[in-house]
Structure formats: structure tokens, C-alpha cells
Amino acid sequence: KLSLIGVIGVEQGPEAALLRSALVVPEKRAQGV
């Protein structure tokens, strides 16, 4: 169905990156997403 069940983001620095906005819908957690 292509329903959105998870998202993750990364913000770029010159030599490192910042992980953010990591979210999985409750009913799909602990299933590898």
C-alpha cells in the first residue's frame, strides 16, 4: 500500500553528521523497520 510507517533524517556538517527525526509508527515497531 506504500503507507508511511517510518522516517529518519540526517543533517550534514563539514566532517560529521547529525541523525534526527527517527520515528516508526507504534504498530510497526520491533519488526525491523
PDB file of all heavy atoms in Angstrom:
ATOM      1  N   LYS A   1       0.799  -1.228   0.000  1.00  0.00           N
ATOM      2  CA  LYS A   1       0.000   0.000   0.000  1.00  0.00           C
ATOM      3  C   LYS A   1       0.831   1.279   0.000  1.00  0.00           C
ATOM      4  O   LYS A   1       0.303   2.369  -0.216  1.00  0.00           O
ATOM      5  CB  LYS A   1      -0.943   0.003   1.204  1.00  0.00           C
ATOM      6  CG  LYS A   1      -2.008  -1.088   1.149  1.00  0.00           C
ATOM      7  CD  LYS A   1      -2.961  -0.976   2.313  1.00  0.00           C
ATOM      8  CE  LYS A   1      -4.053  -2.044   2.240  1.00  0.00           C
ATOM      9  NZ  LYS A   1      -5.010  -1.934   3.378  1.00  0.00           N
ATOM     10  N   LEU A   2       2.126   1.167   0.297  1.00  0.00           N
ATOM     11  CA  LEU A   2       3.019   2.329   0.340  1.00  0.00           C
ATOM     12  C   LEU A   2       2.601   3.341   1.404  1.00  0.00           C
ATOM     13  O   LEU A   2       2.756   4.554   1.224  1.00  0.00           O
ATOM     14  CB  LEU A   2       3.118   3.007  -1.023  1.00  0.00           C
ATOM     15  CG  LEU A   2       3.684   2.140  -2.153  1.00  0.00           C
ATOM     16  CD1 LEU A   2       3.787   2.938  -3.445  1.00  0.00           C
ATOM     17  CD2 LEU A   2       5.044   1.557  -1.779  1.00  0.00           C
ATOM     18  N   SER A   3       2.076   2.855   2.513  1.00  0.00           N
ATOM     19  CA  SER A   3       1.753   3.738   3.637  1.00  0.00           C
ATOM     20  C   SER A   3       3.038   4.093   4.375  1.00  0.00           C
ATOM     21  O   SER A   3       3.911   3.236   4.573  1.00  0.00           O
ATOM     22  CB  SER A   3       0.790   3.041   4.594  1.00  0.00           C
ATOM     23  OG  SER A   3      -0.409   2.703   3.945  1.00  0.00           O
ATOM     24  N   LEU A   4       3.163   5.341   4.796  1.00  0.00           N
ATOM     25  CA  LEU A   4       4.349   5.775   5.526  1.00  0.00           C
ATOM     26  C   LEU A   4       4.334   5.179   6.926  1.00  0.00           C
ATOM     27  O   LEU A   4       3.406   5.423   7.701  1.00  0.00           O
ATOM     28  CB  LEU A   4       4.398   7.302   5.598  1.00  0.00           C
ATOM     29  CG  LEU A   4       5.602   7.912   6.317  1.00  0.00           C
ATOM     30  CD1 LEU A   4       6.902   7.506   5.640  1.00  0.00           C
ATOM     31  CD2 LEU A   4       5.481   9.431   6.357  1.00  0.00           C
ATOM     32  N   ILE A   5       5.359   4.399   7.257  1.00  0.00           N
ATOM     33  CA  ILE A   5       5.427   3.768   8.577  1.00  0.00           C
ATOM     34  C   ILE A   5       6.685   4.158   9.350  1.00  0.00           C
ATOM     35  O   ILE A   5       6.803   3.838  10.535  1.00  0.00           O
ATOM     36  CB  ILE A   5       5.352   2.233   8.469  1.00  0.00           C
ATOM     37  CG1 ILE A   5       6.497   1.683   7.610  1.00  0.00           C
ATOM     38  CG2 ILE A   5       3.998   1.801   7.918  1.00  0.00           C
ATOM     39  CD1 ILE A   5       6.572   0.159   7.603  1.00  0.00           C
ATOM     40  N   GLY A   6       7.612   4.846   8.700  1.00  0.00           N
ATOM     41  CA  GLY A   6       8.824   5.246   9.405  1.00  0.00           C
ATOM     42  C   GLY A   6       9.582   6.302   8.642  1.00  0.00           C
ATOM     43  O   GLY A   6       9.440   6.443   7.426  1.00  0.00           O
ATOM     44  N   VAL A   7      10.379   7.069   9.374  1.00  0.00           N
ATOM     45  CA  VAL A   7      11.186   8.119   8.762  1.00  0.00           C
ATOM     46  C   VAL A   7      12.460   8.290   9.569  1.00  0.00           C
ATOM     47  O   VAL A   7      12.509   7.979  10.773  1.00  0.00           O
ATOM     48  CB  VAL A   7      10.394   9.455   8.698  1.00  0.00           C
ATOM     49  CG1 VAL A   7      10.130   9.993  10.097  1.00  0.00           C
ATOM     50  CG2 VAL A   7      11.114  10.503   7.859  1.00  0.00           C
ATOM     51  N   ILE A   8      13.496   8.755   8.911  1.00  0.00           N
ATOM     52  CA  ILE A   8      14.737   9.111   9.591  1.00  0.00           C
ATOM     53  C   ILE A   8      15.428  10.187   8.762  1.00  0.00           C
ATOM     54  O   ILE A   8      15.276  10.238   7.534  1.00  0.00           O
ATOM     55  CB  ILE A   8      15.651   7.883   9.763  1.00  0.00           C
ATOM     56  CG1 ILE A   8      16.695   8.124  10.848  1.00  0.00           C
ATOM     57  CG2 ILE A   8      16.316   7.479   8.451  1.00  0.00           C
ATOM     58  CD1 ILE A   8      17.411   6.852  11.305  1.00  0.00           C
ATOM     59  N   GLY A   9      16.136  11.081   9.432  1.00  0.00           N
ATOM     60  CA  GLY A   9      16.817  12.156   8.736  1.00  0.00           C
ATOM     61  C   GLY A   9      18.248  12.308   9.199  1.00  0.00           C
ATOM     62  O   GLY A   9      18.642  11.804  10.257  1.00  0.00           O
ATOM     63  N   VAL A  10      19.035  13.013   8.407  1.00  0.00           N
ATOM     64  CA  VAL A  10      20.414  13.307   8.768  1.00  0.00           C
ATOM     65  C   VAL A  10      20.751  14.714   8.284  1.00  0.00           C
ATOM     66  O   VAL A  10      20.332  15.124   7.200  1.00  0.00           O
ATOM     67  CB  VAL A  10      21.395  12.268   8.175  1.00  0.00           C
ATOM     68  CG1 VAL A  10      21.432  12.328   6.661  1.00  0.00           C
ATOM     69  CG2 VAL A  10      22.792  12.443   8.737  1.00  0.00           C
ATOM     70  N   GLU A  11      21.416  15.465   9.131  1.00  0.00           N
ATOM     71  CA  GLU A  11      21.854  16.824   8.802  1.00  0.00           C
ATOM     72  C   GLU A  11      23.371  16.815   8.676  1.00  0.00           C
ATOM     73  O   GLU A  11      24.063  16.251   9.525  1.00  0.00           O
ATOM     74  CB  GLU A  11      21.397  17.798   9.890  1.00  0.00           C
ATOM     75  CG  GLU A  11      19.875  17.811  10.027  1.00  0.00           C
ATOM     76  CD  GLU A  11      19.367  18.738  11.111  1.00  0.00           C
ATOM     77  OE1 GLU A  11      20.153  19.144  11.995  1.00  0.00           O
ATOM     78  OE2 GLU A  11      18.166  19.050  11.078  1.00  0.00           O
ATOM     79  N   GLN A  12      23.866  17.437   7.620  1.00  0.00           N
ATOM     80  CA  GLN A  12      25.268  17.334   7.280  1.00  0.00           C
ATOM     81  C   GLN A  12      26.106  18.489   7.814  1.00  0.00           C
ATOM     82  O   GLN A  12      25.737  19.649   7.672  1.00  0.00           O
ATOM     83  CB  GLN A  12      25.428  17.280   5.757  1.00  0.00           C
ATOM     84  CG  GLN A  12      24.689  16.114   5.125  1.00  0.00           C
ATOM     85  CD  GLN A  12      24.643  16.243   3.619  1.00  0.00           C
ATOM     86  OE1 GLN A  12      23.575  16.395   3.046  1.00  0.00           O
ATOM     87  NE2 GLN A  12      25.796  16.186   2.989  1.00  0.00           N
ATOM     88  N   GLY A  13      27.227  18.155   8.417  1.00  0.00           N
ATOM     89  CA  GLY A  13      28.234  19.130   8.778  1.00  0.00           C
ATOM     90  C   GLY A  13      29.430  18.957   7.869  1.00  0.00           C
ATOM     91  O   GLY A  13      29.427  18.125   6.967  1.00  0.00           O
ATOM     92  N   PRO A  14      30.489  19.727   8.082  1.00  0.00           N
ATOM     93  CA  PRO A  14      31.668  19.612   7.215  1.00  0.00           C
ATOM     94  C   PRO A  14      32.384  18.281   7.351  1.00  0.00           C
ATOM     95  O   PRO A  14      32.878  17.739   6.366  1.00  0.00           O
ATOM     96  CB  PRO A  14      32.560  20.785   7.643  1.00  0.00           C
ATOM     97  CG  PRO A  14      32.095  21.135   9.019  1.00  0.00           C
ATOM     98  CD  PRO A  14      30.636  20.818   9.068  1.00  0.00           C
ATOM     99  N   GLU A  15      32.433  17.723   8.574  1.00  0.00           N
ATOM    100  CA  GLU A  15      33.162  16.472   8.790  1.00  0.00           C
ATOM    101  C   GLU A  15      32.360  15.442   9.573  1.00  0.00           C
ATOM    102  O   GLU A  15      32.833  14.333   9.810  1.00  0.00           O
ATOM    103  CB  GLU A  15      34.478  16.745   9.536  1.00  0.00           C
ATOM    104  CG  GLU A  15      35.423  17.701   8.804  1.00  0.00           C
ATOM    105  CD  GLU A  15      35.873  17.155   7.454  1.00  0.00           C
ATOM    106  OE1 GLU A  15      35.881  15.915   7.288  1.00  0.00           O
ATOM    107  OE2 GLU A  15      36.217  17.960   6.568  1.00  0.00           O
ATOM    108  N   ALA A  16      31.166  15.782  10.000  1.00  0.00           N
ATOM    109  CA  ALA A  16      30.314  14.879  10.776  1.00  0.00           C
ATOM    110  C   ALA A  16      28.864  15.134  10.395  1.00  0.00           C
ATOM    111  O   ALA A  16      28.552  16.101   9.695  1.00  0.00           O
ATOM    112  CB  ALA A  16      30.524  15.086  12.278  1.00  0.00           C
ATOM    113  N   ALA A  17      27.982  14.251  10.840  1.00  0.00           N
ATOM    114  CA  ALA A  17      26.562  14.382  10.528  1.00  0.00           C
ATOM    115  C   ALA A  17      25.741  14.207  11.794  1.00  0.00           C
ATOM    116  O   ALA A  17      26.210  13.654  12.792  1.00  0.00           O
ATOM    117  CB  ALA A  17      26.156  13.360   9.475  1.00  0.00           C
ATOM    118  N   LEU A  18      24.501  14.686  11.754  1.00  0.00           N
ATOM    119  CA  LEU A  18      23.594  14.633  12.891  1.00  0.00           C
ATOM    120  C   LEU A  18      22.346  13.851  12.503  1.00  0.00           C
ATOM    121  O   LEU A  18      21.610  14.236  11.595  1.00  0.00           O
ATOM    122  CB  LEU A  18      23.214  16.045  13.328  1.00  0.00           C
ATOM    123  CG  LEU A  18      22.228  16.172  14.491  1.00  0.00           C
ATOM    124  CD1 LEU A  18      22.861  15.667  15.789  1.00  0.00           C
ATOM    125  CD2 LEU A  18      21.760  17.620  14.652  1.00  0.00           C
ATOM    126  N   LEU A  19      22.098  12.764  13.192  1.00  0.00           N
ATOM    127  CA  LEU A  19      20.909  11.950  12.970  1.00  0.00           C
ATOM    128  C   LEU A  19      19.731  12.588  13.700  1.00  0.00           C
ATOM    129  O   LEU A  19      19.871  13.037  14.833  1.00  0.00           O
ATOM    130  CB  LEU A  19      21.163  10.533  13.485  1.00  0.00           C
ATOM    131  CG  LEU A  19      20.108   9.453  13.265  1.00  0.00           C
ATOM    132  CD1 LEU A  19      20.783   8.087  13.253  1.00  0.00           C
ATOM    133  CD2 LEU A  19      19.034   9.478  14.341  1.00  0.00           C
ATOM    134  N   ARG A  20      18.563  12.623  13.068  1.00  0.00           N
ATOM    135  CA  ARG A  20      17.393  13.227  13.695  1.00  0.00           C
ATOM    136  C   ARG A  20      16.109  12.638  13.115  1.00  0.00           C
ATOM    137  O   ARG A  20      16.131  11.869  12.150  1.00  0.00           O
ATOM    138  CB  ARG A  20      17.382  14.742  13.506  1.00  0.00           C
ATOM    139  CG  ARG A  20      17.261  15.180  12.043  1.00  0.00           C
ATOM    140  CD  ARG A  20      16.816  16.623  11.922  1.00  0.00           C
ATOM    141  NE  ARG A  20      15.428  16.813  12.350  1.00  0.00           N
ATOM    142  CZ  ARG A  20      14.804  17.989  12.347  1.00  0.00           C
ATOM    143  NH1 ARG A  20      15.449  19.082  11.965  1.00  0.00           N
ATOM    144  NH2 ARG A  20      13.550  18.094  12.728  1.00  0.00           N
ATOM    145  N   SER A  21      14.997  13.005  13.730  1.00  0.00           N
ATOM    146  CA  SER A  21      13.660  12.694  13.222  1.00  0.00           C
ATOM    147  C   SER A  21      13.452  11.208  12.971  1.00  0.00           C
ATOM    148  O   SER A  21      12.836  10.815  11.987  1.00  0.00           O
ATOM    149  CB  SER A  21      13.386  13.484  11.930  1.00  0.00           C
ATOM    150  OG  SER A  21      13.469  14.856  12.159  1.00  0.00           O
ATOM    151  N   ALA A  22      13.977  10.363  13.855  1.00  0.00           N
ATOM    152  CA  ALA A  22      13.796   8.917  13.713  1.00  0.00           C
ATOM    153  C   ALA A  22      12.483   8.508  14.375  1.00  0.00           C
ATOM    154  O   ALA A  22      12.304   8.687  15.566  1.00  0.00           O
ATOM    155  CB  ALA A  22      14.968   8.177  14.344  1.00  0.00           C
ATOM    156  N   LEU A  23      11.584   7.962  13.584  1.00  0.00           N
ATOM    157  CA  LEU A  23      10.259   7.615  14.095  1.00  0.00           C
ATOM    158  C   LEU A  23       9.669   6.463  13.301  1.00  0.00           C
ATOM    159  O   LEU A  23       9.737   6.449  12.067  1.00  0.00           O
ATOM    160  CB  LEU A  23       9.324   8.832  14.000  1.00  0.00           C
ATOM    161  CG  LEU A  23       7.879   8.624  14.456  1.00  0.00           C
ATOM    162  CD1 LEU A  23       7.800   8.369  15.956  1.00  0.00           C
ATOM    163  CD2 LEU A  23       7.021   9.837  14.070  1.00  0.00           C
ATOM    164  N   VAL A  24       9.098   5.503  14.008  1.00  0.00           N
ATOM    165  CA  VAL A  24       8.333   4.408  13.410  1.00  0.00           C
ATOM    166  C   VAL A  24       6.963   4.390  14.084  1.00  0.00           C
ATOM    167  O   VAL A  24       6.868   4.591  15.303  1.00  0.00           O
ATOM    168  CB  VAL A  24       9.042   3.048  13.595  1.00  0.00           C
ATOM    169  CG1 VAL A  24       8.156   1.899  13.136  1.00  0.00           C
ATOM    170  CG2 VAL A  24      10.368   3.032  12.843  1.00  0.00           C
ATOM    171  N   VAL A  25       5.919   4.163  13.311  1.00  0.00           N
ATOM    172  CA  VAL A  25       4.578   4.130  13.903  1.00  0.00           C
ATOM    173  C   VAL A  25       4.516   2.997  14.931  1.00  0.00           C
ATOM    174  O   VAL A  25       5.149   1.953  14.761  1.00  0.00           O
ATOM    175  CB  VAL A  25       3.496   3.940  12.822  1.00  0.00           C
ATOM    176  CG1 VAL A  25       3.419   5.144  11.906  1.00  0.00           C
ATOM    177  CG2 VAL A  25       3.734   2.670  12.012  1.00  0.00           C
ATOM    178  N   PRO A  26       3.790   3.203  16.033  1.00  0.00           N
ATOM    179  CA  PRO A  26       3.792   2.220  17.131  1.00  0.00           C
ATOM    180  C   PRO A  26       3.488   0.793  16.705  1.00  0.00           C
ATOM    181  O   PRO A  26       4.113  -0.153  17.179  1.00  0.00           O
ATOM    182  CB  PRO A  26       2.727   2.773  18.086  1.00  0.00           C
ATOM    183  CG  PRO A  26       2.719   4.244  17.838  1.00  0.00           C
ATOM    184  CD  PRO A  26       2.974   4.395  16.367  1.00  0.00           C
ATOM    185  N   GLU A  27       2.535   0.609  15.797  1.00  0.00           N
ATOM    186  CA  GLU A  27       2.121  -0.749  15.445  1.00  0.00           C
ATOM    187  C   GLU A  27       3.141  -1.493  14.584  1.00  0.00           C
ATOM    188  O   GLU A  27       3.006  -2.705  14.365  1.00  0.00           O
ATOM    189  CB  GLU A  27       0.766  -0.718  14.721  1.00  0.00           C
ATOM    190  CG  GLU A  27       0.746   0.029  13.412  1.00  0.00           C
ATOM    191  CD  GLU A  27       0.408   1.505  13.573  1.00  0.00           C
ATOM    192  OE1 GLU A  27       0.604   2.039  14.687  1.00  0.00           O
ATOM    193  OE2 GLU A  27      -0.054   2.097  12.591  1.00  0.00           O
ATOM    194  N   LYS A  28       4.192  -0.792  14.112  1.00  0.00           N
ATOM    195  CA  LYS A  28       5.201  -1.440  13.283  1.00  0.00           C
ATOM    196  C   LYS A  28       6.565  -1.502  13.969  1.00  0.00           C
ATOM    197  O   LYS A  28       7.566  -1.849  13.342  1.00  0.00           O
ATOM    198  CB  LYS A  28       5.341  -0.701  11.943  1.00  0.00           C
ATOM    199  CG  LYS A  28       4.055  -0.634  11.129  1.00  0.00           C
ATOM    200  CD  LYS A  28       3.549  -2.010  10.742  1.00  0.00           C
ATOM    201  CE  LYS A  28       2.313  -1.904   9.850  1.00  0.00           C
ATOM    202  NZ  LYS A  28       1.742  -3.227   9.517  1.00  0.00           N
ATOM    203  N   ARG A  29       6.612  -1.168  15.248  1.00  0.00           N
ATOM    204  CA  ARG A  29       7.892  -1.196  15.956  1.00  0.00           C
ATOM    205  C   ARG A  29       8.292  -2.623  16.292  1.00  0.00           C
ATOM    206  O   ARG A  29       7.460  -3.527  16.333  1.00  0.00           O
ATOM    207  CB  ARG A  29       7.812  -0.339  17.220  1.00  0.00           C
ATOM    208  CG  ARG A  29       7.686   1.147  16.894  1.00  0.00           C
ATOM    209  CD  ARG A  29       7.427   2.008  18.104  1.00  0.00           C
ATOM    210  NE  ARG A  29       7.143   3.381  17.684  1.00  0.00           N
ATOM    211  CZ  ARG A  29       6.626   4.315  18.463  1.00  0.00           C
ATOM    212  NH1 ARG A  29       6.319   4.033  19.721  1.00  0.00           N
ATOM    213  NH2 ARG A  29       6.400   5.531  18.007  1.00  0.00           N
ATOM    214  N   ALA A  30       9.582  -2.805  16.523  1.00  0.00           N
ATOM    215  CA  ALA A  30      10.147  -4.115  16.870  1.00  0.00           C
ATOM    216  C   ALA A  30       9.914  -5.142  15.765  1.00  0.00           C
ATOM    217  O   ALA A  30       9.819  -6.336  16.029  1.00  0.00           O
ATOM    218  CB  ALA A  30       9.570  -4.611  18.188  1.00  0.00           C
ATOM    219  N   GLN A  31       9.860  -4.645  14.518  1.00  0.00           N
ATOM    220  CA  GLN A  31       9.676  -5.537  13.380  1.00  0.00           C
ATOM    221  C   GLN A  31      10.724  -5.289  12.296  1.00  0.00           C
ATOM    222  O   GLN A  31      10.541  -5.677  11.147  1.00  0.00           O
ATOM    223  CB  GLN A  31       8.268  -5.378  12.801  1.00  0.00           C
ATOM    224  CG  GLN A  31       7.160  -5.741  13.792  1.00  0.00           C
ATOM    225  CD  GLN A  31       5.781  -5.658  13.173  1.00  0.00           C
ATOM    226  OE1 GLN A  31       5.490  -6.324  12.187  1.00  0.00           O
ATOM    227  NE2 GLN A  31       4.914  -4.838  13.753  1.00  0.00           N
ATOM    228  N   GLY A  32      11.804  -4.629  12.665  1.00  0.00           N
ATOM    229  CA  GLY A  32      12.901  -4.430  11.725  1.00  0.00           C
ATOM    230  C   GLY A  32      12.883  -3.127  10.966  1.00  0.00           C
ATOM    231  O   GLY A  32      13.833  -2.818  10.242  1.00  0.00           O
ATOM    232  N   VAL A  33      11.838  -2.326  11.105  1.00  0.00           N
ATOM    233  CA  VAL A  33      11.738  -1.079  10.353  1.00  0.00           C
ATOM    234  C   VAL A  33      12.759  -0.063  10.858  1.00  0.00           C
ATOM    235  O   VAL A  33      13.527   0.521  10.083  1.00  0.00           O
ATOM    236  CB  VAL A  33      10.314  -0.496  10.427  1.00  0.00           C
ATOM    237  CG1 VAL A  33      10.226   0.803   9.621  1.00  0.00           C
ATOM    238  CG2 VAL A  33       9.297  -1.504   9.915  1.00  0.00           C
TER     239      VAL A  33
END
